[in-house]
Structure formats: C-alpha cells, structure tokens
Amino acid sequence: MSRRTKGLRILVAESEDILRRGMRSLLEDQPEWKICGEAETGAETIEKTKALQPGLFLLDVTMPDMEAAQAIPKILDACPTVKIVALAEQVSAELAVDALAAGASGVALKSEAATNLC
C-alpha cells in the first residue's frame, strides 16, 4: 500500500485498545488519510461500516465476538466498495485463505503494519 490515496477514509477494527491506538497514531501521520472511526468488536465493526462508509478497513482477524471470515461478508454487504486488509499476529495459510475467500483484499502481519501500510 505504498501508493497514497488522497482523502482515503479508514476504519480501524482492532480488539486490543493499545494496538488500535497505535495504528490510529501511525495512520494519522499520513496527511492524505483520515481515520473515520474505530471498532473493538465485530458487531460494532458492522454498525460503524454502515454509518461511516470507509474506503479502507483494517480488520483484526480475531475480534471478541466473531472472526474476520464471519465479519468480512457483512462488511461488504454494508459497503461493497471498501477494501479490507485483515491483520493478524501470525499469518497462517489457513487464515489467509479464509480471509481472502471471505472477500478481504489482503492479509498483513500486525508486526509489519508500519512498513506495509505507510
């Protein structure tokens, strides 16, 4: 994602507060990007998708109430044009296949988010 998109609206869905705040801080340094919202659970994620209509979604693969493979189709129903990057502690082949099969645009390691997203 090295190409910057002017006015890109990003929704960050991460179950851990410290990681969510860190991602927000990192992404807010990019002047062309706007964090339009945050979510902690899968249900909150879907509500905020409907209300905020982001262009990019950074999605924790293991939310407290649902996994990414369950949330992604609901997110795409609410906002069909959104691009979704599933974020994981460790990427396994099964996790990547499940997220991509559900409609994610990509899968990234949380530990490499700073390098891969900005």
N, C-alpha and C. Protein backbone atom coordinates (compact mmCIF):
# COMPACT_ATOMS: atom_id res chain seq x y z
N MET A 1 0.81 -1.19 0.00
CA MET A 1 0.00 0.00 0.00
C MET A 1 0.85 1.26 0.00
N SER A 2 1.92 1.25 -0.71
CA SER A 2 2.79 2.41 -0.71
C SER A 2 2.18 3.59 -1.47
N ARG A 3 1.25 3.32 -2.36
CA ARG A 3 0.59 4.40 -3.09
C ARG A 3 -0.44 5.08 -2.20
N ARG A 4 -0.31 6.36 -2.04
CA ARG A 4 -1.22 7.10 -1.18
C ARG A 4 -2.44 7.55 -1.97
N THR A 5 -3.57 7.51 -1.31
CA THR A 5 -4.82 7.92 -1.94
C THR A 5 -5.34 9.14 -1.20
N LYS A 6 -5.51 10.23 -1.92
CA LYS A 6 -5.97 11.47 -1.30
C LYS A 6 -7.38 11.28 -0.75
N GLY A 7 -7.55 11.65 0.51
CA GLY A 7 -8.86 11.61 1.14
C GLY A 7 -9.33 10.21 1.51
N LEU A 8 -8.44 9.25 1.60
CA LEU A 8 -8.82 7.88 1.95
C LEU A 8 -9.35 7.84 3.37
N ARG A 9 -10.58 7.33 3.52
CA ARG A 9 -11.21 7.19 4.84
C ARG A 9 -10.98 5.77 5.34
N ILE A 10 -10.41 5.68 6.54
CA ILE A 10 -10.01 4.39 7.09
C ILE A 10 -10.76 4.11 8.39
N LEU A 11 -11.26 2.89 8.51
CA LEU A 11 -11.86 2.42 9.75
C LEU A 11 -10.94 1.35 10.32
N VAL A 12 -10.56 1.48 11.59
CA VAL A 12 -9.66 0.54 12.25
C VAL A 12 -10.47 -0.30 13.22
N ALA A 13 -10.51 -1.60 13.00
CA ALA A 13 -11.21 -2.53 13.88
C ALA A 13 -10.17 -3.45 14.51
N GLU A 14 -9.90 -3.24 15.77
CA GLU A 14 -8.89 -4.00 16.50
C GLU A 14 -9.39 -4.19 17.92
N SER A 15 -9.36 -5.42 18.40
CA SER A 15 -9.90 -5.72 19.72
C SER A 15 -9.03 -5.20 20.86
N GLU A 16 -7.74 -5.04 20.64
CA GLU A 16 -6.85 -4.56 21.69
C GLU A 16 -6.66 -3.05 21.58
N ASP A 17 -7.03 -2.36 22.66
CA ASP A 17 -7.02 -0.90 22.69
C ASP A 17 -5.65 -0.31 22.33
N ILE A 18 -4.60 -0.85 22.89
CA ILE A 18 -3.27 -0.29 22.66
C ILE A 18 -2.85 -0.43 21.19
N LEU A 19 -3.20 -1.54 20.58
CA LEU A 19 -2.89 -1.72 19.16
C LEU A 19 -3.74 -0.80 18.29
N ARG A 20 -5.01 -0.65 18.64
CA ARG A 20 -5.90 0.24 17.89
C ARG A 20 -5.39 1.68 17.95
N ARG A 21 -5.01 2.11 19.14
CA ARG A 21 -4.47 3.48 19.29
C ARG A 21 -3.16 3.66 18.52
N GLY A 22 -2.32 2.63 18.56
CA GLY A 22 -1.06 2.70 17.83
C GLY A 22 -1.27 2.80 16.32
N MET A 23 -2.19 1.99 15.80
CA MET A 23 -2.48 2.06 14.36
C MET A 23 -3.04 3.43 14.00
N ARG A 24 -3.93 3.93 14.82
CA ARG A 24 -4.52 5.24 14.56
C ARG A 24 -3.43 6.31 14.52
N SER A 25 -2.56 6.29 15.50
CA SER A 25 -1.47 7.27 15.56
C SER A 25 -0.57 7.19 14.34
N LEU A 26 -0.22 5.99 13.96
CA LEU A 26 0.62 5.77 12.78
C LEU A 26 -0.05 6.29 11.52
N LEU A 27 -1.30 5.97 11.34
CA LEU A 27 -2.02 6.35 10.12
C LEU A 27 -2.35 7.84 10.07
N GLU A 28 -2.56 8.46 11.23
CA GLU A 28 -2.87 9.89 11.25
C GLU A 28 -1.69 10.74 10.80
N ASP A 29 -0.49 10.17 10.80
CA ASP A 29 0.68 10.88 10.31
C ASP A 29 0.66 11.06 8.80
N GLN A 30 -0.21 10.35 8.12
CA GLN A 30 -0.33 10.44 6.67
C GLN A 30 -1.38 11.50 6.34
N PRO A 31 -0.98 12.65 5.82
CA PRO A 31 -1.93 13.75 5.63
C PRO A 31 -3.08 13.45 4.66
N GLU A 32 -2.87 12.50 3.75
CA GLU A 32 -3.90 12.19 2.77
C GLU A 32 -4.96 11.24 3.31
N TRP A 33 -4.71 10.69 4.49
CA TRP A 33 -5.61 9.69 5.06
C TRP A 33 -6.37 10.25 6.24
N LYS A 34 -7.59 9.77 6.44
CA LYS A 34 -8.41 10.19 7.57
C LYS A 34 -8.97 8.96 8.27
N ILE A 35 -8.72 8.86 9.56
CA ILE A 35 -9.32 7.79 10.34
C ILE A 35 -10.75 8.23 10.63
N CYS A 36 -11.71 7.54 10.03
CA CYS A 36 -13.11 7.94 10.20
C CYS A 36 -13.77 7.23 11.38
N GLY A 37 -13.11 6.20 11.93
CA GLY A 37 -13.68 5.52 13.08
C GLY A 37 -12.85 4.36 13.54
N GLU A 38 -13.25 3.85 14.71
CA GLU A 38 -12.61 2.70 15.32
C GLU A 38 -13.69 1.77 15.83
N ALA A 39 -13.35 0.49 15.92
CA ALA A 39 -14.27 -0.50 16.46
C ALA A 39 -13.47 -1.53 17.25
N GLU A 40 -14.13 -2.11 18.27
CA GLU A 40 -13.47 -3.09 19.12
C GLU A 40 -14.05 -4.49 18.94
N THR A 41 -15.30 -4.59 18.54
CA THR A 41 -15.96 -5.89 18.37
C THR A 41 -16.47 -6.03 16.94
N GLY A 42 -16.83 -7.25 16.59
CA GLY A 42 -17.39 -7.48 15.26
C GLY A 42 -18.70 -6.75 15.05
N ALA A 43 -19.58 -6.78 16.05
CA ALA A 43 -20.87 -6.10 15.93
C ALA A 43 -20.69 -4.60 15.76
N GLU A 44 -19.78 -4.02 16.54
CA GLU A 44 -19.50 -2.59 16.42
C GLU A 44 -18.90 -2.27 15.05
N THR A 45 -18.09 -3.16 14.56
CA THR A 45 -17.47 -3.02 13.24
C THR A 45 -18.53 -2.89 12.15
N ILE A 46 -19.51 -3.75 12.18
CA ILE A 46 -20.55 -3.74 11.16
C ILE A 46 -21.42 -2.49 11.27
N GLU A 47 -21.78 -2.09 12.49
CA GLU A 47 -22.55 -0.86 12.70
C GLU A 47 -21.81 0.35 12.13
N LYS A 48 -20.52 0.45 12.46
CA LYS A 48 -19.75 1.61 12.02
C LYS A 48 -19.51 1.60 10.52
N THR A 49 -19.41 0.42 9.92
CA THR A 49 -19.26 0.34 8.47
C THR A 49 -20.48 0.96 7.80
N LYS A 50 -21.65 0.59 8.26
CA LYS A 50 -22.90 1.13 7.69
C LYS A 50 -22.96 2.64 7.84
N ALA A 51 -22.58 3.14 9.01
CA ALA A 51 -22.69 4.57 9.29
C ALA A 51 -21.60 5.40 8.61
N LEU A 52 -20.38 4.88 8.53
CA LEU A 52 -19.24 5.69 8.10
C LEU A 52 -18.79 5.47 6.67
N GLN A 53 -19.14 4.32 6.06
CA GLN A 53 -18.78 4.02 4.68
C GLN A 53 -17.30 4.33 4.37
N PRO A 54 -16.38 3.62 5.04
CA PRO A 54 -14.95 3.86 4.80
C PRO A 54 -14.50 3.34 3.43
N GLY A 55 -13.34 3.79 3.00
CA GLY A 55 -12.74 3.29 1.78
C GLY A 55 -11.79 2.13 2.03
N LEU A 56 -11.23 2.11 3.25
CA LEU A 56 -10.29 1.06 3.65
C LEU A 56 -10.63 0.61 5.05
N PHE A 57 -10.54 -0.68 5.25
CA PHE A 57 -10.86 -1.27 6.54
C PHE A 57 -9.66 -2.08 6.99
N LEU A 58 -9.13 -1.77 8.17
CA LEU A 58 -8.09 -2.58 8.79
C LEU A 58 -8.78 -3.42 9.84
N LEU A 59 -8.80 -4.72 9.65
CA LEU A 59 -9.64 -5.61 10.45
C LEU A 59 -8.83 -6.66 11.18
N ASP A 60 -8.93 -6.64 12.50
CA ASP A 60 -8.34 -7.68 13.34
C ASP A 60 -8.99 -9.01 12.98
N VAL A 61 -8.21 -10.05 12.76
CA VAL A 61 -8.78 -11.33 12.35
C VAL A 61 -9.51 -12.05 13.47
N THR A 62 -9.23 -11.68 14.71
CA THR A 62 -9.87 -12.35 15.84
C THR A 62 -10.52 -11.33 16.78
N MET A 63 -11.70 -10.88 16.41
CA MET A 63 -12.47 -9.98 17.26
C MET A 63 -13.12 -10.82 18.37
N PRO A 64 -13.49 -10.21 19.50
CA PRO A 64 -14.05 -10.99 20.60
C PRO A 64 -15.32 -11.77 20.25
N ASP A 65 -16.15 -11.24 19.38
CA ASP A 65 -17.44 -11.88 19.10
C ASP A 65 -17.55 -12.54 17.73
N MET A 66 -16.55 -12.36 16.87
CA MET A 66 -16.54 -13.04 15.57
C MET A 66 -15.18 -12.93 14.92
N GLU A 67 -14.87 -13.89 14.07
CA GLU A 67 -13.62 -13.85 13.33
C GLU A 67 -13.80 -13.08 12.03
N ALA A 68 -12.70 -12.70 11.44
CA ALA A 68 -12.73 -11.90 10.21
C ALA A 68 -13.53 -12.58 9.11
N ALA A 69 -13.39 -13.88 8.97
CA ALA A 69 -14.10 -14.59 7.90
C ALA A 69 -15.62 -14.48 8.05
N GLN A 70 -16.10 -14.29 9.27
CA GLN A 70 -17.53 -14.08 9.51
C GLN A 70 -17.92 -12.62 9.28
N ALA A 71 -17.04 -11.70 9.67
CA ALA A 71 -17.34 -10.27 9.58
C ALA A 71 -17.22 -9.72 8.16
N ILE A 72 -16.28 -10.21 7.39
CA ILE A 72 -15.99 -9.64 6.06
C ILE A 72 -17.21 -9.64 5.14
N PRO A 73 -17.95 -10.72 5.00
CA PRO A 73 -19.13 -10.65 4.12
C PRO A 73 -20.16 -9.62 4.60
N LYS A 74 -20.31 -9.46 5.90
CA LYS A 74 -21.26 -8.48 6.44
C LYS A 74 -20.77 -7.06 6.17
N ILE A 75 -19.47 -6.86 6.28
CA ILE A 75 -18.88 -5.54 5.99
C ILE A 75 -19.10 -5.21 4.51
N LEU A 76 -18.84 -6.17 3.64
CA LEU A 76 -19.00 -5.94 2.20
C LEU A 76 -20.46 -5.76 1.80
N ASP A 77 -21.38 -6.39 2.51
CA ASP A 77 -22.81 -6.13 2.27
C ASP A 77 -23.17 -4.69 2.60
N ALA A 78 -22.58 -4.18 3.68
CA ALA A 78 -22.87 -2.80 4.13
C ALA A 78 -22.15 -1.76 3.29
N CYS A 79 -20.99 -2.12 2.74
CA CYS A 79 -20.17 -1.17 2.00
C CYS A 79 -19.39 -1.94 0.92
N PRO A 80 -20.03 -2.22 -0.22
CA PRO A 80 -19.43 -3.10 -1.24
C PRO A 80 -18.11 -2.63 -1.84
N THR A 81 -17.81 -1.35 -1.79
CA THR A 81 -16.59 -0.85 -2.42
C THR A 81 -15.39 -0.80 -1.48
N VAL A 82 -15.59 -1.08 -0.21
CA VAL A 82 -14.50 -0.98 0.76
C VAL A 82 -13.43 -2.04 0.49
N LYS A 83 -12.19 -1.67 0.69
CA LYS A 83 -11.06 -2.61 0.63
C LYS A 83 -10.76 -3.02 2.06
N ILE A 84 -10.56 -4.31 2.28
CA ILE A 84 -10.34 -4.83 3.62
C ILE A 84 -8.97 -5.49 3.70
N VAL A 85 -8.18 -5.06 4.68
CA VAL A 85 -6.92 -5.71 4.99
C VAL A 85 -7.09 -6.38 6.35
N ALA A 86 -6.99 -7.70 6.36
CA ALA A 86 -7.09 -8.46 7.60
C ALA A 86 -5.73 -8.46 8.29
N LEU A 87 -5.73 -8.09 9.57
CA LEU A 87 -4.48 -8.01 10.33
C LEU A 87 -4.40 -9.14 11.35
N ALA A 88 -3.25 -9.81 11.39
CA ALA A 88 -3.09 -10.96 12.27
C ALA A 88 -1.76 -10.91 13.00
N GLU A 89 -1.73 -11.56 14.16
CA GLU A 89 -0.47 -11.71 14.90
C GLU A 89 0.49 -12.58 14.09
N GLN A 90 -0.04 -13.69 13.58
CA GLN A 90 0.71 -14.60 12.73
C GLN A 90 -0.18 -14.98 11.56
N VAL A 91 0.37 -14.96 10.38
CA VAL A 91 -0.41 -15.34 9.21
C VAL A 91 -0.15 -16.80 8.88
N SER A 92 -1.20 -17.58 8.94
CA SER A 92 -1.09 -18.97 8.53
C SER A 92 -1.75 -19.10 7.16
N ALA A 93 -1.43 -20.16 6.46
CA ALA A 93 -2.04 -20.37 5.14
C ALA A 93 -3.55 -20.45 5.28
N GLU A 94 -4.04 -21.13 6.30
CA GLU A 94 -5.49 -21.27 6.50
C GLU A 94 -6.15 -19.92 6.76
N LEU A 95 -5.54 -19.11 7.61
CA LEU A 95 -6.07 -17.79 7.92
C LEU A 95 -6.13 -16.93 6.67
N ALA A 96 -5.06 -16.91 5.90
CA ALA A 96 -5.01 -16.11 4.69
C ALA A 96 -6.07 -16.57 3.69
N VAL A 97 -6.19 -17.87 3.49
CA VAL A 97 -7.18 -18.41 2.55
C VAL A 97 -8.60 -18.05 3.02
N ASP A 98 -8.89 -18.21 4.31
CA ASP A 98 -10.22 -17.90 4.84
C ASP A 98 -10.57 -16.43 4.66
N ALA A 99 -9.64 -15.54 5.00
CA ALA A 99 -9.89 -14.10 4.88
C ALA A 99 -10.07 -13.69 3.43
N LEU A 100 -9.21 -14.18 2.56
CA LEU A 100 -9.30 -13.84 1.14
C LEU A 100 -10.56 -14.44 0.51
N ALA A 101 -10.90 -15.66 0.88
CA ALA A 101 -12.12 -16.29 0.36
C ALA A 101 -13.37 -15.54 0.81
N ALA A 102 -13.31 -14.94 2.00
CA ALA A 102 -14.45 -14.17 2.51
C ALA A 102 -14.57 -12.81 1.84
N GLY A 103 -13.50 -12.36 1.15
CA GLY A 103 -13.56 -11.09 0.42
C GLY A 103 -12.53 -10.06 0.81
N ALA A 104 -11.59 -10.40 1.69
CA ALA A 104 -10.53 -9.45 2.04
C ALA A 104 -9.66 -9.16 0.83
N SER A 105 -9.15 -7.94 0.76
CA SER A 105 -8.24 -7.56 -0.32
C SER A 105 -6.83 -8.03 -0.05
N GLY A 106 -6.52 -8.27 1.24
CA GLY A 106 -5.19 -8.70 1.60
C GLY A 106 -5.12 -9.09 3.06
N VAL A 107 -3.99 -9.68 3.43
CA VAL A 107 -3.72 -10.08 4.80
C VAL A 107 -2.33 -9.57 5.15
N ALA A 108 -2.18 -9.00 6.37
CA ALA A 108 -0.88 -8.47 6.79
C ALA A 108 -0.64 -8.82 8.25
N LEU A 109 0.62 -8.90 8.60
CA LEU A 109 1.02 -9.10 9.98
C LEU A 109 0.92 -7.78 10.74
N LYS A 110 0.40 -7.82 11.95
CA LYS A 110 0.33 -6.62 12.77
C LYS A 110 1.74 -6.05 13.01
N SER A 111 2.71 -6.95 13.19
CA SER A 111 4.07 -6.51 13.46
C SER A 111 4.71 -5.77 12.29
N GLU A 112 4.15 -5.91 11.09
CA GLU A 112 4.70 -5.24 9.91
C GLU A 112 3.79 -4.15 9.37
N ALA A 113 2.77 -3.79 10.16
CA ALA A 113 1.80 -2.80 9.69
C ALA A 113 2.44 -1.46 9.34
N ALA A 114 3.38 -1.02 10.15
CA ALA A 114 4.01 0.28 9.89
C ALA A 114 4.73 0.28 8.54
N THR A 115 5.39 -0.80 8.22
CA THR A 115 6.13 -0.89 6.96
C THR A 115 5.19 -1.06 5.78
N ASN A 116 4.18 -1.90 5.93
CA ASN A 116 3.31 -2.25 4.81
C ASN A 116 2.21 -1.24 4.53
N LEU A 117 1.77 -0.50 5.51
CA LEU A 117 0.63 0.40 5.32
C LEU A 117 1.03 1.82 4.98
N CYS A 118 2.18 2.26 5.43
CA CYS A 118 2.55 3.66 5.22
C CYS A 118 3.64 3.83 4.21
